[in-house]
C-alpha atoms as a PDB file:
ATOM      1  CA  MET A   1       0.006   0.114  -0.122  1.00  0.00           C
ATOM      2  CA  SER A   2       2.824   2.261   1.015  1.00  0.00           C
ATOM      3  CA  ASP A   3       3.884   2.686  -2.903  1.00  0.00           C
ATOM      4  CA  ILE A   4       0.692   4.093  -3.800  1.00  0.00           C
ATOM      5  CA  PRO A   5       1.391   7.885  -2.632  1.00  0.00           C
ATOM      6  CA  ASN A   6       5.034   7.882  -4.230  1.00  0.00           C
ATOM      7  CA  ILE A   7       3.607   6.766  -7.714  1.00  0.00           C
ATOM      8  CA  ILE A   8       0.723   9.025  -7.810  1.00  0.00           C
ATOM      9  CA  LYS A   9       3.127  12.007  -7.206  1.00  0.00           C
ATOM     10  CA  GLN A  10       5.492  10.507 -10.227  1.00  0.00           C
ATOM     11  CA  ILE A  11       2.624  10.541 -12.422  1.00  0.00           C
ATOM     12  CA  GLN A  12       1.463  13.901 -11.165  1.00  0.00           C
ATOM     13  CA  SER A  13       4.888  15.374 -11.662  1.00  0.00           C
ATOM     14  CA  ASP A  14       5.634  13.582 -15.154  1.00  0.00           C
ATOM     15  CA  ILE A  15       2.301  14.186 -16.855  1.00  0.00           C
ATOM     16  CA  ILE A  16       2.565  18.191 -16.784  1.00  0.00           C
ATOM     17  CA  ASN A  17       6.117  17.492 -18.161  1.00  0.00           C
ATOM     18  CA  SER A  18       5.828  17.593 -22.050  1.00  0.00           C
ATOM     19  CA  GLN A  19       9.279  16.282 -22.147  1.00  0.00           C
ATOM     20  CA  ILE A  20       8.383  12.651 -20.817  1.00  0.00           C
ATOM     21  CA  SER A  21       6.605  10.404 -22.928  1.00  0.00           C
ATOM     22  CA  LEU A  22       3.271   9.158 -22.569  1.00  0.00           C
ATOM     23  CA  GLU A  23       4.493   5.343 -22.727  1.00  0.00           C
ATOM     24  CA  THR A  24       6.838   6.344 -19.565  1.00  0.00           C
ATOM     25  CA  ILE A  25       3.991   7.901 -17.718  1.00  0.00           C
ATOM     26  CA  PHE A  26       1.359   4.860 -18.595  1.00  0.00           C
ATOM     27  CA  LEU A  27       4.146   2.536 -17.340  1.00  0.00           C
ATOM     28  CA  LYS A  28       3.743   3.969 -14.166  1.00  0.00           C
ATOM     29  CA  ALA A  29       0.166   3.916 -14.668  1.00  0.00           C
ATOM     30  CA  LYS A  30       0.194   0.089 -15.145  1.00  0.00           C
ATOM     31  CA  VAL A  31       1.954  -0.090 -11.702  1.00  0.00           C
ATOM     32  CA  LEU A  32      -0.719   2.157 -10.010  1.00  0.00           C
ATOM     33  CA  ALA A  33      -3.494   0.155 -11.563  1.00  0.00           C
ATOM     34  CA  HIS A  34      -1.989  -2.929  -9.796  1.00  0.00           C
ATOM     35  CA  TYR A  35      -1.725  -1.733  -6.514  1.00  0.00           C
ATOM     36  CA  LEU A  36      -5.358  -0.226  -6.694  1.00  0.00           C
ATOM     37  CA  ASN A  37      -6.626  -3.515  -8.303  1.00  0.00           C
ATOM     38  CA  ASN A  38      -8.945  -1.990 -10.483  1.00  0.00           C
ATOM     39  CA  HIS A  39      -9.759  -4.106 -13.534  1.00  0.00           C
ATOM     40  CA  GLU A  40     -11.141  -1.249 -15.828  1.00  0.00           C
ATOM     41  CA  LEU A  41      -7.997   0.756 -15.054  1.00  0.00           C
ATOM     42  CA  LYS A  42      -5.541  -2.266 -16.068  1.00  0.00           C
ATOM     43  CA  LYS A  43      -7.487  -2.859 -18.900  1.00  0.00           C
ATOM     44  CA  TRP A  44      -7.621   0.837 -20.100  1.00  0.00           C
ATOM     45  CA  VAL A  45      -3.698   1.257 -19.411  1.00  0.00           C
ATOM     46  CA  LYS A  46      -2.977  -2.014 -21.196  1.00  0.00           C
ATOM     47  CA  ASN A  47      -5.038  -0.931 -24.446  1.00  0.00           C
ATOM     48  CA  GLU A  48      -3.284   2.778 -24.274  1.00  0.00           C
ATOM     49  CA  LEU A  49       0.012   0.851 -24.231  1.00  0.00           C
ATOM     50  CA  ASP A  50      -0.614  -1.900 -26.572  1.00  0.00           C
ATOM     51  CA  GLY A  51      -3.322  -0.573 -28.588  1.00  0.00           C
ATOM     52  CA  TYR A  52      -6.812  -1.525 -29.235  1.00  0.00           C
ATOM     53  CA  LEU A  53      -7.506  -4.769 -31.074  1.00  0.00           C
ATOM     54  CA  ASN A  54     -11.156  -4.226 -31.140  1.00  0.00           C
ATOM     55  CA  THR A  55     -12.251  -0.946 -32.417  1.00  0.00           C
ATOM     56  CA  ASP A  56     -15.327  -1.169 -30.970  1.00  0.00           C
ATOM     57  CA  GLU A  57     -13.844  -0.395 -27.614  1.00  0.00           C
ATOM     58  CA  LEU A  58     -12.010   2.714 -28.717  1.00  0.00           C
ATOM     59  CA  PRO A  59     -12.998   5.749 -26.517  1.00  0.00           C
ATOM     60  CA  ASP A  60     -14.268   8.756 -27.909  1.00  0.00           C
ATOM     61  CA  TYR A  61     -11.303  10.729 -27.974  1.00  0.00           C
ATOM     62  CA  ARG A  62      -9.436   8.125 -30.276  1.00  0.00           C
ATOM     63  CA  ILE A  63     -12.039   8.924 -33.114  1.00  0.00           C
ATOM     64  CA  THR A  64     -11.867  11.725 -35.291  1.00  0.00           C
ATOM     65  CA  THR A  65     -14.042  13.174 -37.974  1.00  0.00           C
ATOM     66  CA  THR A  66     -12.453  14.194 -41.416  1.00  0.00           C
ATOM     67  CA  VAL A  67     -13.076  14.712 -44.834  1.00  0.00           C
ATOM     68  CA  LEU A  68     -12.931  12.056 -47.634  1.00  0.00           C
ATOM     69  CA  LEU A  69     -10.770  13.105 -50.537  1.00  0.00           C
ATOM     70  CA  GLY A  70     -10.317  11.510 -53.988  1.00  0.00           C
ATOM     71  CA  THR A  71      -8.572  11.644 -57.279  1.00  0.00           C
ATOM     72  CA  PHE A  72     -10.637  11.816 -60.610  1.00  0.00           C
ATOM     73  CA  LEU A  73      -9.198  11.074 -64.006  1.00  0.00           C
ATOM     74  CA  ASN A  74     -11.097  11.135 -67.411  1.00  0.00           C
ATOM     75  CA  GLY A  75      -7.968  10.338 -69.691  1.00  0.00           C
ATOM     76  CA  VAL A  76      -6.920  13.731 -70.171  1.00  0.00           C
ATOM     77  CA  TYR A  77      -7.540  15.745 -66.876  1.00  0.00           C
ATOM     78  CA  LYS A  78      -6.769  14.486 -63.471  1.00  0.00           C
ATOM     79  CA  HIS A  79      -8.022  16.234 -60.320  1.00  0.00           C
ATOM     80  CA  SER A  80      -6.285  15.139 -57.192  1.00  0.00           C
ATOM     81  CA  ASN A  81      -7.130  15.998 -53.500  1.00  0.00           C
ATOM     82  CA  LYS A  82     -10.866  17.020 -54.510  1.00  0.00           C
ATOM     83  CA  ILE A  83     -13.451  16.602 -51.488  1.00  0.00           C
ATOM     84  CA  ILE A  84     -15.900  14.044 -52.095  1.00  0.00           C
ATOM     85  CA  SER A  85     -19.597  15.014 -50.671  1.00  0.00           C
ATOM     86  CA  ILE A  86     -21.213  12.738 -47.950  1.00  0.00           C
ATOM     87  CA  LEU A  87     -24.443  13.140 -49.464  1.00  0.00           C
ATOM     88  CA  ASP A  88     -23.187  11.795 -53.047  1.00  0.00           C
ATOM     89  CA  ILE A  89     -21.934   8.622 -51.454  1.00  0.00           C
ATOM     90  CA  HIS A  90     -24.145   5.788 -51.769  1.00  0.00           C
ATOM     91  CA  SER A  91     -25.793   4.390 -48.210  1.00  0.00           C
ATOM     92  CA  GLU A  92     -23.816   0.917 -48.372  1.00  0.00           C
ATOM     93  CA  LEU A  93     -20.430   3.243 -48.667  1.00  0.00           C
ATOM     94  CA  ARG A  94     -21.245   5.761 -46.410  1.00  0.00           C
ATOM     95  CA  GLN A  95     -20.648   3.994 -42.960  1.00  0.00           C
ATOM     96  CA  SER A  96     -17.019   3.667 -43.852  1.00  0.00           C
ATOM     97  CA  VAL A  97     -16.096   7.293 -44.514  1.00  0.00           C
ATOM     98  CA  GLY A  98     -16.062  10.264 -42.458  1.00  0.00           C
ATOM     99  CA  LYS A  99     -14.232   9.042 -39.449  1.00  0.00           C
ATOM    100  CA  VAL A 100     -10.523   7.979 -38.597  1.00  0.00           C
ATOM    101  CA  TYR A 101     -10.139   5.416 -35.580  1.00  0.00           C
ATOM    102  CA  PHE A 102      -6.500   5.644 -33.626  1.00  0.00           C
ATOM    103  CA  SER A 103      -6.304   1.943 -32.591  1.00  0.00           C
ATOM    104  CA  GLN A 104      -2.397   2.175 -32.281  1.00  0.00           C
ATOM    105  CA  GLY A 105      -0.858   2.186 -28.702  1.00  0.00           C
ATOM    106  CA  ILE A 106       0.602   5.448 -27.406  1.00  0.00           C
ATOM    107  CA  VAL A 107       4.110   4.716 -28.846  1.00  0.00           C
ATOM    108  CA  GLY A 108       2.693   4.161 -32.137  1.00  0.00           C
ATOM    109  CA  LEU A 109       0.442   7.700 -31.905  1.00  0.00           C
ATOM    110  CA  GLU A 110       3.505   9.665 -30.820  1.00  0.00           C
ATOM    111  CA  GLY A 111       5.499   8.487 -33.952  1.00  0.00           C
ATOM    112  CA  MET A 112       2.639   9.526 -36.214  1.00  0.00           C
ATOM    113  CA  ALA A 113       2.517  12.829 -34.993  1.00  0.00           C
ATOM    114  CA  LYS A 114       5.965  13.444 -36.339  1.00  0.00           C
ATOM    115  CA  SER A 115       4.919  12.284 -39.704  1.00  0.00           C
ATOM    116  CA  LYS A 116       3.456  14.713 -42.420  1.00  0.00           C
ATOM    117  CA  ASN A 117       0.950  13.830 -45.090  1.00  0.00           C
ATOM    118  CA  LEU A 118      -0.740  10.716 -43.268  1.00  0.00           C
ATOM    119  CA  ARG A 119      -3.939   9.046 -44.861  1.00  0.00           C
ATOM    120  CA  ASN A 120      -6.161   6.004 -44.435  1.00  0.00           C
ATOM    121  CA  PRO A 121      -6.804   4.834 -48.161  1.00  0.00           C
ATOM    122  CA  MET A 122     -10.002   3.373 -49.284  1.00  0.00           C
ATOM    123  CA  THR A 123      -9.832   0.123 -50.645  1.00  0.00           C
ATOM    124  CA  GLY A 124     -10.084  -0.955 -54.261  1.00  0.00           C
ATOM    125  CA  ASP A 125     -13.666  -2.430 -53.800  1.00  0.00           C
ATOM    126  CA  TRP A 126     -14.623   0.593 -52.072  1.00  0.00           C
ATOM    127  CA  VAL A 127     -13.705   2.473 -55.124  1.00  0.00           C
ATOM    128  CA  ASP A 128     -15.305   0.390 -57.904  1.00  0.00           C
ATOM    129  CA  LEU A 129     -18.541   0.655 -56.076  1.00  0.00           C
ATOM    130  CA  TYR A 130     -18.208   4.323 -55.630  1.00  0.00           C
ATOM    131  CA  ASN A 131     -17.801   4.427 -59.666  1.00  0.00           C
ATOM    132  CA  SER A 132     -20.678   1.893 -59.980  1.00  0.00           C
ATOM    133  CA  PHE A 133     -23.290   3.985 -57.848  1.00  0.00           C
ATOM    134  CA  ASN A 134     -22.177   7.199 -59.397  1.00  0.00           C
ATOM    135  CA  ALA A 135     -22.031   6.099 -63.163  1.00  0.00           C
ATOM    136  CA  GLU A 136     -24.420   8.247 -64.477  1.00  0.00           C
ATOM    137  CA  SER A 137     -23.123  11.554 -62.874  1.00  0.00           C
ATOM    138  CA  LEU A 138     -19.450  10.602 -63.670  1.00  0.00           C
ATOM    139  CA  SER A 139     -20.069  10.072 -67.262  1.00  0.00           C
ATOM    140  CA  HIS A 140     -21.094  13.640 -68.059  1.00  0.00           C
ATOM    141  CA  GLY A 141     -17.162  14.224 -67.652  1.00  0.00           C
ATOM    142  CA  HIS A 142     -16.118  10.820 -68.639  1.00  0.00           C
ATOM    143  CA  TYR A 143     -14.223  10.796 -65.254  1.00  0.00           C
ATOM    144  CA  GLN A 144     -13.788   7.907 -62.791  1.00  0.00           C
ATOM    145  CA  LEU A 145     -12.420   7.985 -59.412  1.00  0.00           C
ATOM    146  CA  ILE A 146      -9.358   6.277 -59.209  1.00  0.00           C
ATOM    147  CA  GLU A 147      -8.275   6.589 -55.499  1.00  0.00           C
ATOM    148  CA  ALA A 148      -9.970   7.853 -52.404  1.00  0.00           C
ATOM    149  CA  HIS A 149      -8.310   8.374 -48.957  1.00  0.00           C
ATOM    150  CA  LEU A 150      -9.074  10.085 -45.193  1.00  0.00           C
ATOM    151  CA  PRO A 151      -6.490  12.416 -44.614  1.00  0.00           C
ATOM    152  CA  ILE A 152      -4.868  12.319 -41.048  1.00  0.00           C
ATOM    153  CA  THR A 153      -3.500  15.644 -39.717  1.00  0.00           C
ATOM    154  CA  ASP A 154      -1.087  15.794 -37.083  1.00  0.00           C
ATOM    155  CA  THR A 155      -3.160  18.037 -34.904  1.00  0.00           C
ATOM    156  CA  SER A 156      -5.668  15.243 -34.760  1.00  0.00           C
ATOM    157  CA  ILE A 157      -2.994  12.867 -33.533  1.00  0.00           C
ATOM    158  CA  VAL A 158      -1.711  15.671 -31.081  1.00  0.00           C
ATOM    159  CA  GLN A 159      -5.302  16.339 -29.949  1.00  0.00           C
ATOM    160  CA  THR A 160      -5.802  12.481 -29.060  1.00  0.00           C
ATOM    161  CA  LEU A 161      -2.413  12.292 -27.114  1.00  0.00           C
ATOM    162  CA  GLY A 162      -3.763  15.358 -25.149  1.00  0.00           C
ATOM    163  CA  ALA A 163      -6.795  14.062 -24.311  1.00  0.00           C
ATOM    164  CA  ILE A 164      -5.092  10.800 -23.145  1.00  0.00           C
ATOM    165  CA  ARG A 165      -2.615  12.502 -20.946  1.00  0.00           C
ATOM    166  CA  SER A 166      -5.506  14.922 -19.593  1.00  0.00           C
ATOM    167  CA  ARG A 167      -8.034  12.103 -18.747  1.00  0.00           C
ATOM    168  CA  LEU A 168      -5.121  10.469 -16.836  1.00  0.00           C
ATOM    169  CA  GLN A 169      -4.469  13.429 -15.116  1.00  0.00           C
ATOM    170  CA  ASP A 170      -7.871  13.829 -14.095  1.00  0.00           C
ATOM    171  CA  PHE A 171      -8.068  10.159 -12.765  1.00  0.00           C
ATOM    172  CA  VAL A 172      -5.064  10.683 -10.323  1.00  0.00           C
ATOM    173  CA  LEU A 173      -6.069  14.194  -9.230  1.00  0.00           C
ATOM    174  CA  GLU A 174      -9.760  12.633  -8.313  1.00  0.00           C
ATOM    175  CA  ILE A 175      -8.448   9.685  -6.264  1.00  0.00           C
ATOM    176  CA  SER A 176      -5.860  11.825  -4.569  1.00  0.00           C
ATOM    177  CA  SER A 177      -8.751  14.006  -3.297  1.00  0.00           C
ATOM    178  CA  LEU A 178     -10.435  10.899  -1.828  1.00  0.00           C
ATOM    179  CA  PRO A 179     -10.474  10.983   2.112  1.00  0.00           C
ATOM    180  CA  TRP A 180      -8.514   7.703   2.656  1.00  0.00           C
ATOM    181  CA  ASP A 181      -4.964   7.181   3.973  1.00  0.00           C
ATOM    182  CA  MET A 182      -3.309   5.377   0.614  1.00  0.00           C
ATOM    183  CA  ALA A 183      -0.324   4.695   2.374  1.00  0.00           C
ATOM    184  CA  ASN A 184      -2.185   2.599   4.988  1.00  0.00           C
ATOM    185  CA  GLU A 185      -5.597   1.777   4.090  1.00  0.00           C
ATOM    186  CA  PRO A 186      -7.218  -0.333   1.079  1.00  0.00           C
ATOM    187  CA  PRO A 187      -8.306   1.491  -1.790  1.00  0.00           C
ATOM    188  CA  PRO A 188     -11.885   2.471  -1.767  1.00  0.00           C
ATOM    189  CA  SER A 189     -13.058   0.199  -4.706  1.00  0.00           C
ATOM    190  CA  GLU A 190     -16.330   1.546  -5.414  1.00  0.00           C
ATOM    191  CA  GLN A 191     -15.196   5.168  -5.240  1.00  0.00           C
ATOM    192  CA  ILE A 192     -12.166   4.560  -7.802  1.00  0.00           C
ATOM    193  CA  ALA A 193     -14.714   2.468 -10.039  1.00  0.00           C
ATOM    194  CA  LYS A 194     -16.976   5.407 -10.115  1.00  0.00           C
ATOM    195  CA  ILE A 195     -14.037   8.282 -10.582  1.00  0.00           C
ATOM    196  CA  PHE A 196     -12.589   5.998 -13.533  1.00  0.00           C
ATOM    197  CA  GLN A 197     -15.822   5.901 -15.316  1.00  0.00           C
ATOM    198  CA  VAL A 198     -16.237   9.820 -14.839  1.00  0.00           C
ATOM    199  CA  THR A 199     -12.570  10.854 -15.957  1.00  0.00           C
ATOM    200  CA  ILE A 200     -11.750   8.633 -18.424  1.00  0.00           C
ATOM    201  CA  TYR A 201     -15.209   7.626 -20.457  1.00  0.00           C
ATOM    202  CA  HIS A 202     -16.816  10.666 -19.080  1.00  0.00           C
ATOM    203  CA  ASN A 203     -19.619   8.312 -18.037  1.00  0.00           C
ATOM    204  CA  SER A 204     -21.709   9.639 -15.183  1.00  0.00           C
ATOM    205  CA  GLY A 205     -22.178   6.289 -13.525  1.00  0.00           C
ATOM    206  CA  GLU A 206     -26.051   6.380 -13.755  1.00  0.00           C
ATOM    207  CA  ILE A 207     -25.605   4.137 -16.804  1.00  0.00           C
ATOM    208  CA  ASN A 208     -23.498   1.334 -18.085  1.00  0.00           C
ATOM    209  CA  MET A 209     -21.228   1.918 -21.063  1.00  0.00           C
ATOM    210  CA  SER A 210     -22.610  -1.085 -22.632  1.00  0.00           C
ATOM    211  CA  ASP A 211     -25.991   0.254 -22.469  1.00  0.00           C
ATOM    212  CA  LEU A 212     -24.856   3.103 -24.978  1.00  0.00           C
ATOM    213  CA  GLN A 213     -24.366   1.342 -28.346  1.00  0.00           C
ATOM    214  CA  GLN A 214     -22.370   2.695 -31.203  1.00  0.00           C
ATOM    215  CA  LYS A 215     -23.808   5.574 -33.042  1.00  0.00           C
ATOM    216  CA  ASP A 216     -24.582   4.690 -36.707  1.00  0.00           C
ATOM    217  CA  GLY A 217     -25.485   7.717 -38.743  1.00  0.00           C
ATOM    218  CA  ASP A 218     -28.664   9.029 -37.146  1.00  0.00           C
ATOM    219  CA  THR A 219     -30.079   5.778 -35.632  1.00  0.00           C
ATOM    220  CA  TYR A 220     -29.447   5.679 -32.059  1.00  0.00           C
ATOM    221  CA  ASN A 221     -29.840   2.448 -29.974  1.00  0.00           C
ATOM    222  CA  VAL A 222     -29.996   3.057 -26.457  1.00  0.00           C
ATOM    223  CA  GLY A 223     -31.335   1.215 -23.379  1.00  0.00           C
ATOM    224  CA  GLN A 224     -34.008   3.417 -22.790  1.00  0.00           C
ATOM    225  CA  ALA A 225     -36.532   5.867 -24.269  1.00  0.00           C
ATOM    226  CA  GLY A 226     -35.767   9.428 -24.655  1.00  0.00           C
ATOM    227  CA  ALA A 227     -36.574  12.616 -26.445  1.00  0.00           C
ATOM    228  CA  VAL A 228     -35.446  12.795 -30.087  1.00  0.00           C
ATOM    229  CA  GLY A 229     -36.869  16.118 -31.116  1.00  0.00           C
ATOM    230  CA  LYS A 230     -39.574  17.309 -33.375  1.00  0.00           C
ATOM    231  CA  TYR A 231     -38.906  15.761 -36.471  1.00  0.00           C
ATOM    232  CA  ALA A 232     -37.985  12.463 -35.532  1.00  0.00           C
ATOM    233  CA  ARG A 233     -39.720   8.849 -35.032  1.00  0.00           C
ATOM    234  CA  SER A 234     -39.591   6.066 -32.759  1.00  0.00           C
ATOM    235  CA  ASP A 235     -39.407   2.238 -33.424  1.00  0.00           C
ATOM    236  CA  GLY A 236     -39.505   0.663 -30.030  1.00  0.00           C
ATOM    237  CA  ASN A 237     -35.993   1.949 -28.462  1.00  0.00           C
ATOM    238  CA  THR A 238     -34.777   2.955 -31.817  1.00  0.00           C
ATOM    239  CA  PHE A 239     -34.959   6.637 -32.982  1.00  0.00           C
ATOM    240  CA  ILE A 240     -34.713   7.297 -36.127  1.00  0.00           C
ATOM    241  CA  GLN A 241     -34.070  11.195 -37.609  1.00  0.00           C
ATOM    242  CA  SER A 242     -36.394  12.062 -40.546  1.00  0.00           C
ATOM    243  CA  GLU A 243     -34.831  12.352 -43.861  1.00  0.00           C
ATOM    244  CA  GLN A 244     -34.877  16.277 -43.786  1.00  0.00           C
ATOM    245  CA  LYS A 245     -32.834  16.163 -40.544  1.00  0.00           C
ATOM    246  CA  GLN A 246     -30.535  13.434 -41.710  1.00  0.00           C
ATOM    247  CA  THR A 247     -29.773  15.663 -44.554  1.00  0.00           C
ATOM    248  CA  LEU A 248     -28.769  18.668 -42.349  1.00  0.00           C
ATOM    249  CA  ALA A 249     -26.692  16.504 -40.075  1.00  0.00           C
ATOM    250  CA  ALA A 250     -24.836  15.460 -42.809  1.00  0.00           C
ATOM    251  CA  ALA A 251     -24.573  18.842 -44.604  1.00  0.00           C
ATOM    252  CA  ALA A 252     -23.339  20.210 -41.198  1.00  0.00           C
ATOM    253  CA  GLU A 253     -20.733  17.412 -40.756  1.00  0.00           C
ATOM    254  CA  GLU A 254     -19.366  17.950 -43.998  1.00  0.00           C
ATOM    255  CA  ILE A 255     -18.975  21.701 -43.675  1.00  0.00           C
ATOM    256  CA  GLN A 256     -17.593  21.503 -40.095  1.00  0.00           C
ATOM    257  CA  ASN A 257     -15.149  19.229 -41.922  1.00  0.00           C
ATOM    258  CA  LEU A 258     -14.211  21.536 -44.284  1.00  0.00           C
ATOM    259  CA  LEU A 259     -13.714  24.151 -42.259  1.00  0.00           C
ATOM    260  CA  ARG A 260     -11.511  22.269 -40.060  1.00  0.00           C
ATOM    261  CA  GLN A 261      -9.065  21.476 -43.549  1.00  0.00           C
ATOM    262  CA  LEU A 262      -9.407  25.625 -43.862  1.00  0.00           C
ATOM    263  CA  GLU A 263      -8.273  26.053 -40.372  1.00  0.00           C
ATOM    264  CA  GLN A 264      -5.173  23.736 -40.918  1.00  0.00           C
ATOM    265  CA  THR A 265      -3.810  26.058 -44.304  1.00  0.00           C
ATOM    266  CA  ASN A 266      -5.653  29.333 -43.308  1.00  0.00           C
ATOM    267  CA  PRO A 267      -6.099  29.861 -39.605  1.00  0.00           C
ATOM    268  CA  SER A 268      -6.809  33.480 -40.000  1.00  0.00           C
ATOM    269  CA  ALA A 269      -9.460  33.258 -42.320  1.00  0.00           C
ATOM    270  CA  THR A 270     -12.188  35.623 -42.110  1.00  0.00           C
ATOM    271  CA  GLN A 271     -16.257  34.663 -42.114  1.00  0.00           C
ATOM    272  CA  SER A 272     -16.581  35.652 -45.647  1.00  0.00           C
ATOM    273  CA  GLU A 273     -13.629  34.205 -46.622  1.00  0.00           C
ATOM    274  CA  MET A 274     -14.893  30.572 -44.827  1.00  0.00           C
ATOM    275  CA  VAL A 275     -18.178  30.896 -46.578  1.00  0.00           C
ATOM    276  CA  ALA A 276     -16.481  31.456 -50.034  1.00  0.00           C
ATOM    277  CA  TYR A 277     -14.148  28.148 -49.434  1.00  0.00           C
ATOM    278  CA  VAL A 278     -17.324  26.034 -48.404  1.00  0.00           C
ATOM    279  CA  ASN A 279     -19.297  27.435 -51.361  1.00  0.00           C
ATOM    280  CA  ASP A 280     -16.400  26.497 -53.767  1.00  0.00           C
ATOM    281  CA  GLU A 281     -15.737  23.002 -52.568  1.00  0.00           C
ATOM    282  CA  THR A 282     -19.521  21.744 -52.405  1.00  0.00           C
ATOM    283  CA  THR A 283     -21.761  20.535 -54.882  1.00  0.00           C
ATOM    284  CA  PRO A 284     -25.024  21.902 -56.380  1.00  0.00           C
ATOM    285  CA  SER A 285     -26.526  19.162 -55.110  1.00  0.00           C
ATOM    286  CA  LEU A 286     -25.472  18.950 -51.476  1.00  0.00           C
ATOM    287  CA  LYS A 287     -26.702  22.913 -51.539  1.00  0.00           C
ATOM    288  CA  ARG A 288     -30.090  22.161 -53.183  1.00  0.00           C
ATOM    289  CA  ARG A 289     -30.680  19.310 -50.706  1.00  0.00           C
ATOM    290  CA  THR A 290     -29.457  21.346 -47.639  1.00  0.00           C
ATOM    291  CA  SER A 291     -31.695  24.141 -48.665  1.00  0.00           C
ATOM    292  CA  SER A 292     -34.770  22.029 -48.968  1.00  0.00           C
ATOM    293  CA  ALA A 293     -34.219  20.483 -45.379  1.00  0.00           C
ATOM    294  CA  LEU A 294     -33.618  23.815 -43.761  1.00  0.00           C
ATOM    295  CA  ARG A 295     -37.027  24.915 -45.285  1.00  0.00           C
ATOM    296  CA  ALA A 296     -38.678  21.687 -43.720  1.00  0.00           C
ATOM    297  CA  CYS A 297     -37.085  22.240 -40.583  1.00  0.00           C
ATOM    298  CA  GLY A 298     -36.220  25.776 -39.713  1.00  0.00           C
ATOM    299  CA  GLU A 299     -33.150  27.516 -39.129  1.00  0.00           C
ATOM    300  CA  ALA A 300     -32.708  26.643 -35.550  1.00  0.00           C
ATOM    301  CA  ALA A 301     -32.210  22.884 -36.294  1.00  0.00           C
ATOM    302  CA  ILE A 302     -28.921  23.532 -37.641  1.00  0.00           C
ATOM    303  CA  ASP A 303     -27.959  24.079 -33.716  1.00  0.00           C
ATOM    304  CA  GLU A 304     -28.483  20.482 -33.238  1.00  0.00           C
ATOM    305  CA  PHE A 305     -25.848  19.365 -35.547  1.00  0.00           C
ATOM    306  CA  VAL A 306     -22.881  22.030 -35.181  1.00  0.00           C
ATOM    307  CA  LEU A 307     -20.664  20.324 -32.212  1.00  0.00           C
ATOM    308  CA  GLU A 308     -18.276  23.152 -32.568  1.00  0.00           C
ATOM    309  CA  ASN A 309     -19.697  26.651 -31.693  1.00  0.00           C
ATOM    310  CA  LYS A 310     -16.744  28.518 -33.456  1.00  0.00           C
ATOM    311  CA  PHE A 311     -18.396  27.614 -36.709  1.00  0.00           C
ATOM    312  CA  LEU A 312     -21.673  27.834 -36.239  1.00  0.00           C
ATOM    313  CA  LYS A 313     -22.098  31.424 -37.493  1.00  0.00           C
ATOM    314  CA  VAL A 314     -20.347  30.576 -40.674  1.00  0.00           C
ATOM    315  CA  ILE A 315     -22.309  27.405 -41.306  1.00  0.00           C
ATOM    316  CA  LYS A 316     -25.904  29.479 -40.632  1.00  0.00           C
ATOM    317  CA  ALA A 317     -24.533  32.426 -42.864  1.00  0.00           C
ATOM    318  CA  THR A 318     -23.278  29.697 -45.500  1.00  0.00           C
ATOM    319  CA  VAL A 319     -26.527  27.509 -45.613  1.00  0.00           C
ATOM    320  CA  LYS A 320     -28.967  30.872 -45.471  1.00  0.00           C
ATOM    321  CA  GLY A 321     -26.876  31.828 -48.622  1.00  0.00           C
ATOM    322  CA  TRP A 322     -27.820  28.826 -50.265  1.00  0.00           C
ATOM    323  CA  LEU A 323     -31.485  29.165 -49.173  1.00  0.00           C
ATOM    324  CA  GLU A 324     -31.768  32.791 -50.578  1.00  0.00           C
ATOM    325  CA  ALA A 325     -30.072  31.698 -53.825  1.00  0.00           C
ATOM    326  CA  ASP A 326     -32.703  29.162 -54.268  1.00  0.00           C
ATOM    327  CA  PHE A 327     -30.541  26.271 -55.427  1.00  0.00           C
END
């Protein structure tokens, strides 16, 4: 028992020192997990060190959204790194785009953070199916999609590493504040288990993590009923957003991805420059669908799908412009 205070002090000191690698810190956290005898903490530390074998177990901070880029060729002209609209992707292909899953151990992530131009390529079968589903629209310019990928920015990796460091710090700080003599008394298992759920998984402890299933598109499978909004319908415990809201959600996500990409290349862009960039990088089809959905749901519905407040004004200005232009 007497080693617990010393290990906690070492972790607290190391974790605020950016020169000390996360691997070193987590090796100490592994020792702490052993002394605390908390199974969930042991499992989490092991996964962070060795990597996650099952992507279904990935914490939210290891999943990031990104745009889908593609290279189109018609035998004469080649267009590289063109953004492929989510709304133009067939539903059978849509589940595999838009998100990058970081399942590597922290050593691998730290190595990736030093690399440039990382990408997660789509499979050849995916590209073939895209061309098949979009044959009619592509035929006008005699284009074919020859490759597609999800770009991985160093910023997204650094943010993931920062989240790992921050959550471990929160956990250690909270257990340090518990009213127990950690040098002589056994760990208060129930309290430590609750702190782990709150600080690592941001789970209040009122529900089990297993009760909250993975979000897939706009369908949410949950353990109990809940409100899902004016334009949604319910089927037992499965809530399905209306088609209009699905369109707005997809459009908001795509615009946010575009703005994140612009933020990487031009962090000082003005609102008018942001709106112009989004207009240039989106298709008439997306603009028409979004305008139609906005008329049906109202401007306030956009607020539900914009996760980053700094983009809210830009997104509203953009889609209102589409509405006024009557695409």
